[in-house]
Amino acid sequence: MKVKIKKTNGRSNLTIQSKLIFVFIFTSIVIFIVNLFVYVNLNQMISKIEEIYASNVNLNDLTEALSDVQVSMTDYLNTKSSDAIEQYYRSEQDYANLLNDLNVTTTNSDMKLMEKGIKNMSDTYLTITNETVQSKRGRNVEKYKNSYEEASTLFSYINTYIYSLNNEQFKYNSGNYEVLLSSMRYSEVISLSILLAVALCNTMIIILMTRSITNPLKELAKIANEVAGGRLDVELLKIKSNDEVGVVAKAFNKMILSIREYIEQIRVRMEMESAMKEKELMMATHLKDAQLKYLQAQINPHFLFNTLNAGAQLAMMEDAERTYVYIQNMADFFRYNVKKNNDSVTLREEVELIDSYIYILNVRFSGDIHFEKKINQELLDIKMPSMILQPIVENSVNYGIRNIDWEGLITLSVYEEKDKICVSIKDNGAGMTAEKIQQIMAKEVQQSETADHSNGVGLENVINRLQMFFNDEDIFTIQSEGENKGSEVIIRLPKSKKEVS
């Protein structure tokens, strides 16, 4: 089983299952290696013990083989049977094979010299026994008797030498056996110590592995209880691994952060709602102020006198139809003022009001008010506050084109600009200085400066209501290149504005 281990910020990606499998395999391998070490060491000791007494065993085998040669030779001499001669040759070959393992070199070791002596005497012995057998087969009685006696004598010498060598070898091997036995006991102590050390290490590894799993769970349970008790300012869990416990701890940290973020969002939303309610109250105040000023404008004696005087002159000079159109436009104008002050209206309704207003002014001023429109009809359904465009047009008439020496022109444009619907009211009149524009935008113009020839709703009121309705400080701009170069008011309405009930 191949386990991939990745490191992420010093943390392993091992799962708990992989960790347990890893620990099991590791401990099993260590135990196997220790047992293999003990097994190999024990086999080596046994092999050395066998090697110690192998020489004695070989000498015993040599003694038995020598006896077999002597006995089989004697049987043949007594019986002269084919079975006896075959047994002799087999015994003689076995003995010769065993003699090949004996030392034949000259050395300082007494035991090796004894082996060499036994080898030389045995070679002579086998030669004599072969002569004895051949003499028996040739029926040379005198010769085989002498050879037999000589072989028997040499047989006794060889047996004595082998017995002596066996005793010396046994003494030497006994000393080696004691040393080997001590080594074996020492090896046993070492093996037992290794087993105990391995068992201790395995126990420590299991304890550490268990702690690495249970400690994060205990910490997680503790913090979870604190969160359940309402404490959200707890310290986040420290992620020490990417196993299942680490994944749960990471998800728990994300949950705490999400709850904190959600609570913060609720707080911000409540503050925004409070601010919006405050703005709504301010807007309502401005609307009521506008309504009051429009009511005052409607009963302005100067305005009503000029309007009725113009209507009377029109009725005298022309037929009743034109008078009707004039009075109808007047009625529409005043009806819009009365009905729409409390409502949001469409841009289309505001444009229609401007048409009525310009008609009334042209009746009053004998057509001196030149007015043109450049309007995209598809953009007129957007909602906006009421009585916005009329005060701006009135301002363009009174302060833009009324007292100029050239023909005045007011242009109303509605066009699209990216995600905005732009409403432009432009004149070619007296224009404004940069300081005047700054005063108007900063709402620093005194009421006395706009009171003459006005319906009472100043640009400050228009700007305030637009900013509060659309929640946009940059919705209203004024442009002018300077005195006698005309001026332009641009209102940029967002397309996404929903209808306000």
Protein backbone atom coordinates (compact mmCIF):
# COMPACT_ATOMS: atom_id res chain seq x y z
CA MET A 1 0.00 0.00 0.00
CA LYS A 2 1.48 3.30 -1.13
CA VAL A 3 0.52 6.27 1.03
CA LYS A 4 1.11 9.73 -0.42
CA ILE A 5 1.99 12.39 2.13
CA LYS A 6 1.67 16.04 1.17
CA LYS A 7 2.72 18.99 3.31
CA THR A 8 0.54 22.09 3.50
CA ASN A 9 2.05 24.87 5.65
CA GLY A 10 3.88 22.25 7.68
CA ARG A 11 0.76 20.06 8.04
CA SER A 12 0.42 16.56 6.59
CA ASN A 13 -2.60 15.58 4.50
CA LEU A 14 -2.77 12.09 6.03
CA THR A 15 -6.24 10.98 7.04
CA ILE A 16 -6.83 9.29 10.39
CA GLN A 17 -7.27 5.97 8.62
CA SER A 18 -3.97 6.44 6.78
CA LYS A 19 -2.23 7.37 10.05
CA LEU A 20 -3.52 4.23 11.78
CA ILE A 21 -2.55 2.06 8.82
CA PHE A 22 0.88 3.71 8.76
CA VAL A 23 1.43 3.09 12.48
CA PHE A 24 0.26 -0.54 12.16
CA ILE A 25 2.53 -1.22 9.17
CA PHE A 26 5.47 0.55 10.81
CA THR A 27 5.18 -1.36 14.09
CA SER A 28 4.63 -4.64 12.23
CA ILE A 29 7.77 -4.07 10.14
CA VAL A 30 9.81 -3.20 13.22
CA ILE A 31 8.60 -6.31 15.07
CA PHE A 32 9.28 -8.45 12.00
CA ILE A 33 12.82 -7.06 11.69
CA VAL A 34 13.50 -7.69 15.39
CA ASN A 35 12.16 -11.26 15.18
CA LEU A 36 14.18 -11.83 12.02
CA PHE A 37 17.29 -10.56 13.81
CA VAL A 38 16.65 -12.89 16.76
CA TYR A 39 15.95 -15.81 14.41
CA VAL A 40 19.10 -15.26 12.34
CA ASN A 41 21.21 -14.78 15.46
CA LEU A 42 19.83 -17.97 17.00
CA ASN A 43 20.48 -19.97 13.82
CA GLN A 44 24.02 -18.66 13.69
CA MET A 45 24.57 -19.79 17.28
CA ILE A 46 23.15 -23.24 16.56
CA SER A 47 25.29 -23.51 13.42
CA LYS A 48 28.38 -22.61 15.43
CA ILE A 49 27.48 -25.24 18.07
CA GLU A 50 27.09 -27.81 15.32
CA GLU A 51 30.43 -26.72 13.85
CA ILE A 52 32.08 -27.10 17.28
CA TYR A 53 31.20 -30.77 17.61
CA ALA A 54 31.26 -31.57 13.90
CA SER A 55 34.94 -32.63 14.22
CA ASN A 56 34.08 -35.13 16.97
CA VAL A 57 31.25 -36.50 14.89
CA ASN A 58 33.54 -36.85 11.89
CA LEU A 59 36.12 -38.69 14.02
CA ASN A 60 33.40 -41.04 15.29
CA ASP A 61 32.32 -41.68 11.71
CA LEU A 62 35.96 -42.30 10.81
CA THR A 63 36.27 -44.85 13.65
CA GLU A 64 33.14 -46.69 12.49
CA ALA A 65 34.31 -46.69 8.87
CA LEU A 66 37.71 -48.08 9.93
CA SER A 67 35.98 -50.84 11.91
CA ASP A 68 33.80 -51.66 8.89
CA VAL A 69 36.93 -52.05 6.72
CA GLN A 70 38.57 -54.38 9.26
CA VAL A 71 35.43 -56.45 9.80
CA SER A 72 34.60 -56.77 6.07
CA MET A 73 38.21 -57.80 5.33
CA THR A 74 38.12 -60.43 8.07
CA ASP A 75 34.76 -61.78 6.78
CA TYR A 76 36.17 -62.14 3.30
CA LEU A 77 39.24 -63.94 4.56
CA ASN A 78 37.01 -66.35 6.48
CA THR A 79 34.26 -66.89 3.88
CA LYS A 80 35.74 -65.72 0.56
CA SER A 81 32.17 -64.87 -0.58
CA SER A 82 31.21 -62.32 -3.21
CA ASP A 83 29.05 -60.46 -0.69
CA ALA A 84 31.99 -60.13 1.67
CA ILE A 85 34.30 -58.77 -1.03
CA GLU A 86 31.65 -56.24 -2.13
CA GLN A 87 31.13 -55.12 1.46
CA TYR A 88 34.89 -54.70 1.82
CA TYR A 89 35.20 -52.48 -1.22
CA ARG A 90 32.23 -50.32 -0.09
CA SER A 91 33.72 -49.92 3.38
CA GLU A 92 37.15 -49.20 1.95
CA GLN A 93 35.68 -46.49 -0.34
CA ASP A 94 33.70 -44.87 2.52
CA TYR A 95 36.78 -44.80 4.71
CA ALA A 96 38.86 -43.30 1.91
CA ASN A 97 36.26 -40.56 1.39
CA LEU A 98 36.34 -39.66 5.08
CA LEU A 99 40.14 -39.53 4.99
CA ASN A 100 39.95 -36.77 2.37
CA ASP A 101 38.56 -34.38 5.03
CA LEU A 102 41.65 -34.82 7.25
CA ASN A 103 44.53 -32.35 7.29
CA VAL A 104 47.52 -33.23 5.10
CA THR A 105 49.56 -30.06 5.52
CA THR A 106 52.35 -29.35 7.97
CA THR A 107 51.24 -27.04 10.80
CA ASN A 108 52.06 -26.08 14.38
CA SER A 109 48.76 -27.47 15.70
CA ASP A 110 49.15 -30.79 17.50
CA MET A 111 45.63 -31.87 16.53
CA LYS A 112 46.25 -31.07 12.88
CA LEU A 113 49.50 -33.07 13.05
CA MET A 114 47.60 -35.99 14.57
CA GLU A 115 45.09 -35.76 11.70
CA LYS A 116 47.98 -35.87 9.26
CA GLY A 117 49.42 -38.93 11.05
CA ILE A 118 46.08 -40.71 10.98
CA LYS A 119 45.77 -39.92 7.26
CA ASN A 120 49.21 -41.35 6.50
CA MET A 121 48.69 -44.48 8.61
CA SER A 122 45.25 -44.99 7.10
CA ASP A 123 46.65 -44.80 3.58
CA THR A 124 49.21 -47.46 4.54
CA TYR A 125 46.50 -49.50 6.21
CA LEU A 126 44.29 -49.47 3.13
CA THR A 127 47.25 -50.51 1.00
CA ILE A 128 47.98 -53.48 3.31
CA THR A 129 44.31 -54.56 3.42
CA ASN A 130 44.15 -54.51 -0.39
CA GLU A 131 47.31 -56.71 -0.49
CA THR A 132 45.74 -59.03 2.05
CA VAL A 133 42.57 -59.40 -0.01
CA GLN A 134 44.54 -59.92 -3.23
CA SER A 135 46.72 -62.54 -1.54
CA LYS A 136 43.60 -64.37 -0.36
CA ARG A 137 42.16 -64.30 -3.85
CA GLY A 138 45.51 -65.60 -5.21
CA ARG A 139 45.57 -68.32 -2.53
CA ASN A 140 48.86 -67.16 -1.24
CA VAL A 141 48.27 -68.30 2.31
CA GLU A 142 51.57 -67.26 3.76
CA LYS A 143 51.42 -63.77 2.38
CA TYR A 144 47.82 -62.94 3.31
CA LYS A 145 48.42 -64.19 6.90
CA ASN A 146 51.38 -61.86 7.31
CA SER A 147 49.50 -58.98 5.68
CA TYR A 148 46.48 -59.60 7.86
CA GLU A 149 48.58 -59.48 11.04
CA GLU A 150 50.28 -56.29 9.88
CA ALA A 151 46.92 -54.70 8.99
CA SER A 152 45.43 -55.68 12.35
CA THR A 153 48.39 -54.11 14.18
CA LEU A 154 48.09 -50.90 12.17
CA PHE A 155 44.31 -50.96 12.76
CA SER A 156 44.95 -50.86 16.52
CA TYR A 157 47.37 -47.93 16.15
CA ILE A 158 44.95 -45.97 14.03
CA ASN A 159 42.09 -46.56 16.47
CA THR A 160 44.27 -45.40 19.34
CA TYR A 161 45.26 -42.25 17.42
CA ILE A 162 41.67 -41.49 16.46
CA TYR A 163 40.52 -41.98 20.07
CA SER A 164 43.26 -39.64 21.36
CA LEU A 165 42.48 -37.03 18.71
CA ASN A 166 38.79 -37.30 19.54
CA ASN A 167 39.48 -36.66 23.20
CA GLU A 168 41.68 -33.65 22.46
CA GLN A 169 39.16 -32.29 20.02
CA PHE A 170 36.37 -32.73 22.56
CA LYS A 171 38.33 -30.81 25.20
CA TYR A 172 39.04 -28.00 22.75
CA ASN A 173 35.42 -27.91 21.58
CA SER A 174 34.11 -27.85 25.14
CA GLY A 175 36.02 -24.63 25.77
CA ASN A 176 34.61 -23.12 22.59
CA TYR A 177 31.16 -24.28 23.59
CA GLU A 178 31.39 -22.42 26.90
CA VAL A 179 32.42 -19.25 25.09
CA LEU A 180 29.64 -19.72 22.54
CA LEU A 181 27.11 -20.39 25.28
CA SER A 182 28.08 -17.13 27.00
CA SER A 183 27.70 -15.31 23.68
CA MET A 184 24.34 -16.93 23.19
CA ARG A 185 23.16 -15.76 26.60
CA TYR A 186 24.48 -12.25 25.83
CA SER A 187 22.65 -12.31 22.51
CA GLU A 188 19.50 -13.40 24.32
CA VAL A 189 19.76 -10.40 26.65
CA ILE A 190 20.32 -8.08 23.68
CA SER A 191 17.36 -9.56 21.79
CA LEU A 192 15.12 -9.21 24.84
CA SER A 193 16.27 -5.60 25.33
CA ILE A 194 15.52 -4.83 21.69
CA LEU A 195 12.07 -6.36 22.01
CA LEU A 196 11.37 -4.29 25.12
CA ALA A 197 12.67 -1.12 23.41
CA VAL A 198 10.51 -1.79 20.34
CA ALA A 199 7.46 -2.42 22.52
CA LEU A 200 8.13 0.83 24.40
CA CYS A 201 8.58 2.79 21.15
CA ASN A 202 5.39 1.32 19.70
CA THR A 203 3.53 2.27 22.86
CA MET A 204 4.85 5.85 22.65
CA ILE A 205 3.92 6.09 18.97
CA ILE A 206 0.39 4.85 19.69
CA ILE A 207 0.04 7.33 22.59
CA LEU A 208 1.26 10.22 20.42
CA MET A 209 -1.03 9.18 17.58
CA THR A 210 -3.99 8.94 19.93
CA ARG A 211 -3.22 12.36 21.41
CA SER A 212 -2.93 13.91 17.94
CA ILE A 213 -6.50 12.74 17.32
CA THR A 214 -8.15 13.25 20.70
CA ASN A 215 -6.56 16.58 21.77
CA PRO A 216 -7.94 18.55 18.80
CA LEU A 217 -11.33 16.94 19.44
CA LYS A 218 -11.22 18.01 23.09
CA GLU A 219 -10.25 21.57 22.09
CA LEU A 220 -13.01 21.61 19.46
CA ALA A 221 -15.59 20.40 22.00
CA LYS A 222 -14.48 23.06 24.53
CA ILE A 223 -14.75 25.96 22.05
CA ALA A 224 -18.02 24.58 20.67
CA ASN A 225 -19.51 24.69 24.17
CA GLU A 226 -18.37 28.31 24.56
CA VAL A 227 -19.93 29.24 21.21
CA ALA A 228 -23.12 27.42 22.18
CA GLY A 229 -23.14 29.59 25.32
CA GLY A 230 -23.18 32.75 23.20
CA ARG A 231 -19.47 33.63 23.11
CA LEU A 232 -18.43 34.43 19.55
CA ASP A 233 -15.17 36.20 20.43
CA VAL A 234 -13.42 32.88 21.10
CA GLU A 235 -9.98 32.26 19.65
CA LEU A 236 -10.09 30.27 16.43
CA LEU A 237 -8.87 26.69 16.48
CA LYS A 238 -5.28 26.10 15.41
CA ILE A 239 -5.19 23.68 12.49
CA LYS A 240 -2.35 21.24 13.09
CA SER A 241 -3.25 18.61 10.47
CA ASN A 242 -5.36 18.15 7.37
CA ASP A 243 -7.01 14.91 8.47
CA GLU A 244 -10.72 14.53 9.24
CA VAL A 245 -10.33 16.38 12.57
CA GLY A 246 -8.45 19.20 10.80
CA VAL A 247 -11.21 19.46 8.17
CA VAL A 248 -13.88 19.67 10.90
CA ALA A 249 -11.85 22.29 12.80
CA LYS A 250 -11.38 24.33 9.62
CA ALA A 251 -15.13 24.17 8.90
CA PHE A 252 -15.85 25.19 12.51
CA ASN A 253 -13.54 28.23 12.16
CA LYS A 254 -15.31 29.20 8.93
CA MET A 255 -18.66 28.85 10.68
CA ILE A 256 -17.57 31.18 13.50
CA LEU A 257 -16.24 33.72 10.98
CA SER A 258 -19.46 33.47 8.97
CA ILE A 259 -21.56 34.08 12.08
CA ARG A 260 -19.42 37.10 13.02
CA GLU A 261 -19.67 38.43 9.46
CA TYR A 262 -23.43 37.86 9.44
CA ILE A 263 -23.86 39.74 12.72
CA GLU A 264 -21.70 42.58 11.37
CA GLN A 265 -23.82 42.68 8.20
CA ILE A 266 -26.99 42.88 10.31
CA ARG A 267 -25.47 45.75 12.30
CA VAL A 268 -24.45 47.62 9.13
CA ARG A 269 -27.88 46.95 7.59
CA MET A 270 -29.62 48.31 10.66
CA GLU A 271 -27.43 51.42 10.55
CA MET A 272 -28.21 51.84 6.84
CA GLU A 273 -31.92 51.39 7.46
CA SER A 274 -31.75 53.98 10.21
CA ALA A 275 -29.90 56.36 7.90
CA MET A 276 -32.45 55.72 5.12
CA LYS A 277 -35.34 56.44 7.46
CA GLU A 278 -33.62 59.64 8.48
CA LYS A 279 -33.21 60.59 4.82
CA GLU A 280 -36.85 59.75 4.15
CA LEU A 281 -37.87 62.07 6.96
CA MET A 282 -35.63 64.81 5.58
CA MET A 283 -37.05 64.26 2.09
CA ALA A 284 -40.58 64.43 3.40
CA THR A 285 -39.67 67.71 5.12
CA HIS A 286 -38.29 69.10 1.87
CA LEU A 287 -41.36 67.98 -0.04
CA LYS A 288 -43.65 69.67 2.45
CA ASP A 289 -41.54 72.80 2.20
CA ALA A 290 -41.87 72.64 -1.60
CA GLN A 291 -45.62 72.16 -1.33
CA LEU A 292 -45.93 75.17 0.92
CA LYS A 293 -43.89 77.34 -1.42
CA TYR A 294 -45.89 76.18 -4.42
CA LEU A 295 -49.10 77.03 -2.61
CA GLN A 296 -47.66 80.43 -1.94
CA ALA A 297 -46.67 80.72 -5.59
CA GLN A 298 -50.17 79.78 -6.71
CA ILE A 299 -51.65 82.68 -4.78
CA ASN A 300 -48.84 85.10 -5.62
CA PRO A 301 -50.81 88.24 -6.56
CA HIS A 302 -48.25 89.35 -9.12
CA PHE A 303 -48.26 85.97 -10.92
CA LEU A 304 -52.05 85.64 -10.86
CA PHE A 305 -52.55 89.26 -12.01
CA ASN A 306 -50.25 88.92 -15.00
CA THR A 307 -51.77 85.53 -15.91
CA LEU A 308 -55.39 86.73 -15.74
CA ASN A 309 -54.51 89.97 -17.53
CA ALA A 310 -52.93 88.02 -20.36
CA GLY A 311 -56.02 85.80 -20.54
CA ALA A 312 -58.33 88.84 -20.70
CA GLN A 313 -56.27 90.48 -23.46
CA LEU A 314 -56.27 87.19 -25.41
CA ALA A 315 -60.03 86.88 -25.05
CA MET A 316 -60.49 90.46 -26.40
CA MET A 317 -58.08 90.17 -29.30
CA GLU A 318 -58.74 86.60 -30.42
CA ASP A 319 -61.51 84.08 -30.44
CA ALA A 320 -62.46 81.94 -27.46
CA GLU A 321 -60.65 78.81 -28.72
CA ARG A 322 -57.16 80.14 -28.05
CA THR A 323 -58.34 81.47 -24.73
CA TYR A 324 -59.58 77.97 -23.93
CA VAL A 325 -56.21 76.44 -24.82
CA TYR A 326 -54.44 78.95 -22.65
CA ILE A 327 -56.75 78.44 -19.71
CA GLN A 328 -56.51 74.65 -20.21
CA ASN A 329 -52.71 74.76 -20.01
CA MET A 330 -52.99 76.90 -16.90
CA ALA A 331 -55.38 74.40 -15.40
CA ASP A 332 -53.06 71.49 -16.25
CA PHE A 333 -50.14 73.32 -14.74
CA PHE A 334 -51.90 74.07 -11.45
CA ARG A 335 -53.50 70.63 -11.33
CA TYR A 336 -50.05 68.99 -11.65
CA ASN A 337 -48.75 71.17 -8.81
CA VAL A 338 -51.60 70.20 -6.54
CA LYS A 339 -51.71 66.46 -7.32
CA LYS A 340 -48.08 65.52 -7.85
CA ASN A 341 -46.32 67.22 -4.97
CA ASN A 342 -46.58 64.08 -2.81
CA ASP A 343 -45.82 61.55 -5.55
CA SER A 344 -42.95 60.25 -7.60
CA VAL A 345 -43.68 60.79 -11.26
CA THR A 346 -42.32 59.69 -14.60
CA LEU A 347 -39.93 61.76 -16.65
CA ARG A 348 -42.64 61.85 -19.30
CA GLU A 349 -45.01 63.71 -16.93
CA GLU A 350 -42.29 66.20 -16.05
CA VAL A 351 -41.68 66.90 -19.77
CA GLU A 352 -45.41 67.40 -20.34
CA LEU A 353 -45.49 69.93 -17.48
CA ILE A 354 -42.64 71.84 -19.17
CA ASP A 355 -44.68 71.99 -22.38
CA SER A 356 -47.61 73.58 -20.48
CA TYR A 357 -45.27 75.92 -18.61
CA ILE A 358 -43.54 77.15 -21.80
CA TYR A 359 -46.94 77.68 -23.45
CA ILE A 360 -48.08 79.83 -20.54
CA LEU A 361 -44.85 81.85 -20.61
CA ASN A 362 -45.10 82.45 -24.35
CA VAL A 363 -48.64 83.76 -23.93
CA ARG A 364 -47.39 86.09 -21.23
CA PHE A 365 -44.30 87.22 -23.13
CA SER A 366 -45.78 87.23 -26.66
CA GLY A 367 -43.79 84.24 -27.88
CA ASP A 368 -40.39 85.52 -26.77
CA ILE A 369 -39.52 82.24 -25.10
CA HIS A 370 -37.90 80.03 -27.75
CA PHE A 371 -37.92 76.39 -26.72
CA GLU A 372 -36.89 73.15 -28.44
CA LYS A 373 -36.78 69.47 -27.43
CA LYS A 374 -34.39 66.62 -28.35
CA ILE A 375 -35.95 63.66 -26.59
CA ASN A 376 -35.58 59.88 -26.86
CA GLN A 377 -39.16 58.81 -26.12
CA GLU A 378 -38.02 55.31 -24.97
CA LEU A 379 -36.29 56.83 -21.94
CA LEU A 380 -39.26 58.75 -20.47
CA ASP A 381 -40.70 56.02 -18.21
CA ILE A 382 -38.12 56.29 -15.45
CA LYS A 383 -39.38 57.40 -12.03
CA MET A 384 -38.21 60.61 -10.34
CA PRO A 385 -39.44 63.18 -7.77
CA SER A 386 -42.10 65.64 -8.92
CA MET A 387 -41.50 69.35 -9.73
CA ILE A 388 -37.84 68.93 -10.71
CA LEU A 389 -37.59 70.21 -14.29
CA GLN A 390 -39.99 73.22 -14.00
CA PRO A 391 -37.89 75.09 -11.39
CA ILE A 392 -34.78 74.56 -13.55
CA VAL A 393 -36.53 75.84 -16.71
CA GLU A 394 -37.92 78.76 -14.71
CA ASN A 395 -34.38 79.52 -13.52
CA SER A 396 -33.12 79.43 -17.13
CA VAL A 397 -35.86 81.91 -18.15
CA ASN A 398 -35.47 84.35 -15.26
CA TYR A 399 -31.67 84.34 -14.97
CA GLY A 400 -30.60 83.09 -18.38
CA ILE A 401 -32.52 84.58 -21.30
CA ARG A 402 -34.82 87.30 -19.85
CA ASN A 403 -32.45 90.23 -19.99
CA ILE A 404 -30.14 89.43 -22.93
CA ASP A 405 -29.78 91.44 -26.17
CA TRP A 406 -29.95 88.41 -28.46
CA GLU A 407 -32.60 85.84 -29.13
CA GLY A 408 -32.77 83.40 -26.26
CA LEU A 409 -33.19 79.63 -26.64
CA ILE A 410 -33.86 76.91 -24.11
CA THR A 411 -33.16 73.29 -25.18
CA LEU A 412 -34.51 70.25 -23.29
CA SER A 413 -32.65 67.02 -24.18
CA VAL A 414 -33.12 63.45 -22.95
CA TYR A 415 -30.45 60.95 -24.04
CA GLU A 416 -28.67 57.81 -22.91
CA GLU A 417 -25.12 57.76 -21.54
CA LYS A 418 -23.77 54.30 -20.51
CA ASP A 419 -25.95 53.20 -17.57
CA LYS A 420 -27.50 56.67 -17.06
CA ILE A 421 -30.45 58.56 -18.52
CA CYS A 422 -29.34 62.17 -18.93
CA VAL A 423 -31.75 65.13 -18.81
CA SER A 424 -30.19 68.39 -20.09
CA ILE A 425 -31.71 71.89 -19.79
CA LYS A 426 -29.49 74.26 -21.74
CA ASP A 427 -29.82 77.95 -22.56
CA ASN A 428 -27.75 80.44 -24.52
CA GLY A 429 -28.29 83.23 -22.02
CA ALA A 430 -26.27 85.17 -19.45
CA GLY A 431 -24.28 82.17 -18.22
CA MET A 432 -22.66 81.78 -14.80
CA THR A 433 -19.29 82.30 -13.24
CA ALA A 434 -17.43 79.37 -11.67
CA GLU A 435 -17.93 80.99 -8.24
CA LYS A 436 -21.70 81.16 -8.78
CA ILE A 437 -21.86 77.53 -9.84
CA GLN A 438 -19.84 76.55 -6.77
CA GLN A 439 -22.23 78.53 -4.50
CA ILE A 440 -25.29 76.83 -6.01
CA MET A 441 -23.78 73.32 -5.73
CA ALA A 442 -22.66 74.06 -2.16
CA LYS A 443 -26.21 75.32 -1.41
CA GLU A 444 -24.90 78.68 -0.25
CA VAL A 445 -27.20 80.90 -2.37
CA GLN A 446 -29.37 83.15 -0.20
CA GLN A 447 -33.12 82.84 -0.57
CA SER A 448 -33.38 86.60 -1.39
CA GLU A 449 -31.26 86.05 -4.49
CA THR A 450 -33.83 83.68 -6.03
CA ALA A 451 -37.05 85.05 -4.59
CA ASP A 452 -37.83 87.52 -7.40
CA HIS A 453 -39.74 86.09 -10.37
CA SER A 454 -39.61 82.57 -8.85
CA ASN A 455 -42.28 80.12 -7.87
CA GLY A 456 -40.48 79.64 -4.57
CA VAL A 457 -38.83 76.26 -5.22
CA GLY A 458 -35.12 76.96 -5.55
CA LEU A 459 -32.34 74.83 -7.02
CA GLU A 460 -31.24 73.88 -3.50
CA ASN A 461 -34.54 72.14 -2.90
CA VAL A 462 -34.33 70.40 -6.29
CA ILE A 463 -30.79 69.20 -5.62
CA ASN A 464 -31.65 67.94 -2.11
CA ARG A 465 -34.69 65.97 -3.28
CA LEU A 466 -32.80 64.39 -6.21
CA GLN A 467 -29.85 63.37 -4.01
CA MET A 468 -32.11 61.82 -1.37
CA PHE A 469 -34.40 60.09 -3.89
CA PHE A 470 -31.55 58.44 -5.82
CA ASN A 471 -28.99 58.33 -2.97
CA ASP A 472 -26.40 59.89 -5.29
CA GLU A 473 -24.42 63.05 -4.51
CA ASP A 474 -23.27 63.52 -8.14
CA ILE A 475 -26.68 63.35 -9.81
CA PHE A 476 -26.92 67.11 -10.47
CA THR A 477 -24.31 69.19 -12.32
CA ILE A 478 -24.14 72.74 -13.74
CA GLN A 479 -21.88 73.73 -16.63
CA SER A 480 -21.09 77.17 -18.05
CA GLU A 481 -18.18 78.58 -19.99
CA GLY A 482 -18.66 81.97 -18.36
CA GLU A 483 -20.76 85.11 -18.58
CA ASN A 484 -22.92 85.56 -21.73
CA LYS A 485 -22.01 82.02 -22.85
CA GLY A 486 -25.09 80.25 -21.59
CA SER A 487 -25.41 77.50 -19.01
CA GLU A 488 -26.48 73.87 -18.87
CA VAL A 489 -27.98 71.79 -16.07
CA ILE A 490 -27.52 68.00 -16.45
CA ILE A 491 -29.38 65.44 -14.33
CA ARG A 492 -28.04 61.88 -14.63
CA LEU A 493 -30.71 59.38 -13.57
CA PRO A 494 -29.70 55.74 -12.93
CA LYS A 495 -31.53 53.26 -15.16
CA SER A 496 -31.84 50.74 -12.34
CA LYS A 497 -34.00 53.01 -10.18
CA LYS A 498 -37.17 51.14 -9.27
CA GLU A 499 -40.55 52.73 -9.00
CA VAL A 500 -41.13 54.41 -5.65
CA SER A 501 -44.65 54.09 -4.33
